């Protein structure tokens, strides 16, 4: 593992080994190993620190993601609730509108029936009035032209009115 770390740190491993072979003296080799161990220790510390920072960032990202997921779930629940509410209101409104349409149709039908009925009654009354007018004219023509005079006609008409006789 020492050679791997040395290569990562940019050392020429082959040259280091060649140098180590040249120096058979332990004094020369020992400081070089201590330096490598120191570098390896520093490297491990940096790696540990980077790992810790990455873990913190990952935890922050997970927390933010969880929060956004909760917000999204809450929003979806709210939308579902609103959709349910408005569907119910729409159904109620549609039912009420249908009922009012039926009531309006019923009123229109009754109005049409009443209009037809009163038109018939009006026509009957007009016919009866026309007939009475013709009878009255005929009566006037017969009695007023017979020489009874105008005074006699007035007396006859008043008598008919007071007794309820209609022409």
Protein backbone atom coordinates (compact mmCIF):
# COMPACT_ATOMS: atom_id res chain seq x y z
CA UNK A 1 0.00 0.00 0.00
CA UNK A 2 2.92 2.30 0.55
CA UNK A 3 3.84 2.30 -3.17
CA UNK A 4 0.25 3.08 -4.15
CA UNK A 5 0.15 6.12 -1.87
CA UNK A 6 3.56 7.23 -3.08
CA UNK A 7 2.40 7.05 -6.66
CA UNK A 8 -0.76 9.02 -5.76
CA UNK A 9 1.39 11.68 -4.15
CA UNK A 10 3.48 11.95 -7.31
CA UNK A 11 6.65 10.16 -6.24
CA UNK A 12 8.59 8.06 -8.69
CA UNK A 13 8.42 4.68 -6.96
CA UNK A 14 11.11 3.08 -9.13
CA UNK A 15 13.51 5.92 -8.42
CA UNK A 16 12.73 5.73 -4.72
CA UNK A 17 13.49 2.00 -4.70
CA UNK A 18 16.71 2.55 -6.62
CA UNK A 19 17.73 5.23 -4.17
CA UNK A 20 16.92 2.92 -1.28
CA UNK A 21 19.17 0.22 -2.75
CA UNK A 22 22.03 2.65 -3.20
CA UNK A 23 21.80 3.73 0.36
CA UNK A 24 22.43 0.72 2.40
CA UNK A 25 22.99 2.84 5.36
CA UNK A 26 20.03 2.75 7.74
CA UNK A 27 20.48 6.36 8.64
CA UNK A 28 19.77 7.47 5.08
CA UNK A 29 16.80 5.13 4.60
CA UNK A 30 15.13 5.81 7.91
CA UNK A 31 14.48 9.53 7.38
CA UNK A 32 13.06 8.72 3.95
CA UNK A 33 10.61 6.17 5.43
CA UNK A 34 9.64 8.56 8.19
CA UNK A 35 8.93 11.18 5.57
CA UNK A 36 6.78 8.69 3.61
CA UNK A 37 4.94 7.69 6.75
CA UNK A 38 4.37 11.35 7.56
CA UNK A 39 3.04 11.93 4.03
CA UNK A 40 0.89 8.83 4.30
CA UNK A 41 -0.48 10.03 7.63
CA UNK A 42 -1.24 13.49 6.19
CA UNK A 43 -2.86 11.87 3.18
CA UNK A 44 -5.03 9.68 5.40
CA UNK A 45 -6.03 12.69 7.50
CA UNK A 46 -6.99 14.65 4.37
CA UNK A 47 -8.93 11.67 3.05
CA UNK A 48 -10.72 11.31 6.40
CA UNK A 49 -11.55 15.03 6.41
CA UNK A 50 -12.79 14.88 2.79
CA UNK A 51 -14.86 11.83 3.63
CA UNK A 52 -16.36 13.61 6.64
CA UNK A 53 -17.16 16.73 4.58
CA UNK A 54 -18.70 14.62 1.83
CA UNK A 55 -20.78 12.75 4.41
CA UNK A 56 -21.98 16.08 5.85
CA UNK A 57 -22.87 17.38 2.37
CA UNK A 58 -24.61 14.11 1.58
CA UNK A 59 -26.57 14.32 4.83
CA UNK A 60 -27.54 17.94 4.08
CA UNK A 61 -28.64 16.95 0.57
CA UNK A 62 -30.68 14.05 1.98
CA UNK A 63 -32.30 16.33 4.55
CA UNK A 64 -33.14 18.90 1.87
CA UNK A 65 -34.51 16.14 -0.37
CA UNK A 66 -36.64 14.74 2.47
CA UNK A 67 -37.96 18.22 3.23
CA UNK A 68 -38.84 18.80 -0.44
CA UNK A 69 -40.50 15.38 -0.61
CA UNK A 70 -42.60 16.25 2.45
CA UNK A 71 -43.54 19.60 0.88
CA UNK A 72 -44.46 17.83 -2.36
CA UNK A 73 -46.55 15.25 -0.48
CA UNK A 74 -48.30 18.01 1.44
CA UNK A 75 -48.97 19.90 -1.80
CA UNK A 76 -50.31 16.74 -3.49
CA UNK A 77 -52.56 16.06 -0.49
CA UNK A 78 -53.81 19.63 -0.64
CA UNK A 79 -54.52 19.32 -4.37
CA UNK A 80 -56.33 16.03 -3.81
CA UNK A 81 -58.44 17.63 -1.09
CA UNK A 82 -59.25 20.61 -3.28
CA UNK A 83 -60.09 18.35 -6.20
CA UNK A 84 -62.44 16.29 -4.03
CA UNK A 85 -64.05 19.44 -2.61
CA UNK A 86 -64.60 21.04 -6.01
CA UNK A 87 -65.88 17.82 -7.58
CA UNK A 88 -68.43 17.57 -4.78
CA UNK A 89 -69.40 21.23 -5.19
CA UNK A 90 -69.67 20.79 -8.96
CA UNK A 91 -71.89 17.75 -8.50
CA UNK A 92 -74.09 19.62 -6.00
CA UNK A 93 -74.31 22.63 -8.31
CA UNK A 94 -75.11 20.45 -11.30
CA UNK A 95 -77.85 18.68 -9.34
CA UNK A 96 -79.30 21.98 -8.15
CA UNK A 97 -79.15 23.40 -11.67
CA UNK A 98 -80.87 20.32 -13.07
CA UNK A 99 -83.60 20.62 -10.43
CA UNK A 100 -84.08 24.32 -11.20
CA UNK A 101 -84.25 23.54 -14.93
CA UNK A 102 -86.97 20.98 -14.24
CA UNK A 103 -88.86 23.48 -12.08
CA UNK A 104 -88.54 26.13 -14.79
CA UNK A 105 -89.80 23.70 -17.43
CA UNK A 106 -92.74 22.82 -15.19
CA UNK A 107 -93.57 26.51 -14.69
CA UNK A 108 -93.30 27.15 -18.43
CA UNK A 109 -95.59 24.19 -19.13
CA UNK A 110 -98.16 25.48 -16.62
CA UNK A 111 -97.90 28.98 -18.10
CA UNK A 112 -98.48 27.56 -21.58
CA UNK A 113 -101.48 25.59 -20.32
CA UNK A 114 -102.87 28.68 -18.57
CA UNK A 115 -102.30 30.80 -21.66
CA UNK A 116 -104.14 28.26 -23.81
CA UNK A 117 -106.94 27.98 -21.25
CA UNK A 118 -107.41 31.76 -20.98
CA UNK A 119 -107.20 32.24 -24.73
CA UNK A 120 -110.01 29.71 -25.08
CA UNK A 121 -112.02 31.43 -22.34
CA UNK A 122 -111.37 34.83 -23.94
CA UNK A 123 -112.50 33.48 -27.30
CA UNK A 124 -115.64 32.03 -25.69
CA UNK A 125 -116.34 35.34 -23.94
CA UNK A 126 -115.83 37.27 -27.18
CA UNK A 127 -118.15 34.89 -29.02
CA UNK A 128 -120.77 35.19 -26.26
CA UNK A 129 -120.41 38.98 -26.27
CA UNK A 130 -120.74 39.12 -30.04
CA UNK A 131 -123.84 36.92 -29.85
CA UNK A 132 -125.35 39.16 -27.13
CA UNK A 133 -124.55 42.25 -29.16
CA UNK A 134 -126.27 40.70 -32.17
CA UNK A 135 -129.29 39.75 -30.04
CA UNK A 136 -129.40 43.23 -28.54
CA UNK A 137 -129.17 44.83 -31.95
CA UNK A 138 -131.91 42.55 -33.21
CA UNK A 139 -134.05 43.42 -30.18
CA UNK A 140 -133.45 47.13 -30.67
CA UNK A 141 -134.23 46.86 -34.32
CA UNK A 142 -137.52 45.00 -33.68
CA UNK A 143 -138.87 47.00 -30.78
CA UNK A 144 -137.50 50.43 -31.44
CA UNK A 145 -138.58 50.37 -35.06
CA UNK A 146 -142.11 49.17 -34.22
CA UNK A 147 -142.99 52.62 -33.16
CA UNK A 148 -142.77 52.11 -29.44
CA UNK A 149 -140.37 54.96 -29.29
CA UNK A 150 -137.16 55.51 -27.61
CA UNK A 151 -138.69 55.87 -24.17
CA UNK A 152 -140.22 52.39 -24.32
CA UNK A 153 -136.87 50.86 -25.32
CA UNK A 154 -135.13 52.46 -22.35
CA UNK A 155 -137.79 51.14 -19.97
CA UNK A 156 -137.44 47.64 -21.39
CA UNK A 157 -133.66 47.71 -21.09
CA UNK A 158 -133.79 48.93 -17.48
CA UNK A 159 -136.31 46.27 -16.62
CA UNK A 160 -134.09 43.59 -18.15
CA UNK A 161 -131.05 44.86 -16.24
CA UNK A 162 -132.87 44.96 -12.90
CA UNK A 163 -134.26 41.45 -13.27
CA UNK A 164 -131.04 39.93 -14.49
CA UNK A 165 -132.35 39.09 -17.92
CA UNK A 166 -129.52 39.21 -20.35
CA UNK A 167 -129.65 39.43 -24.05
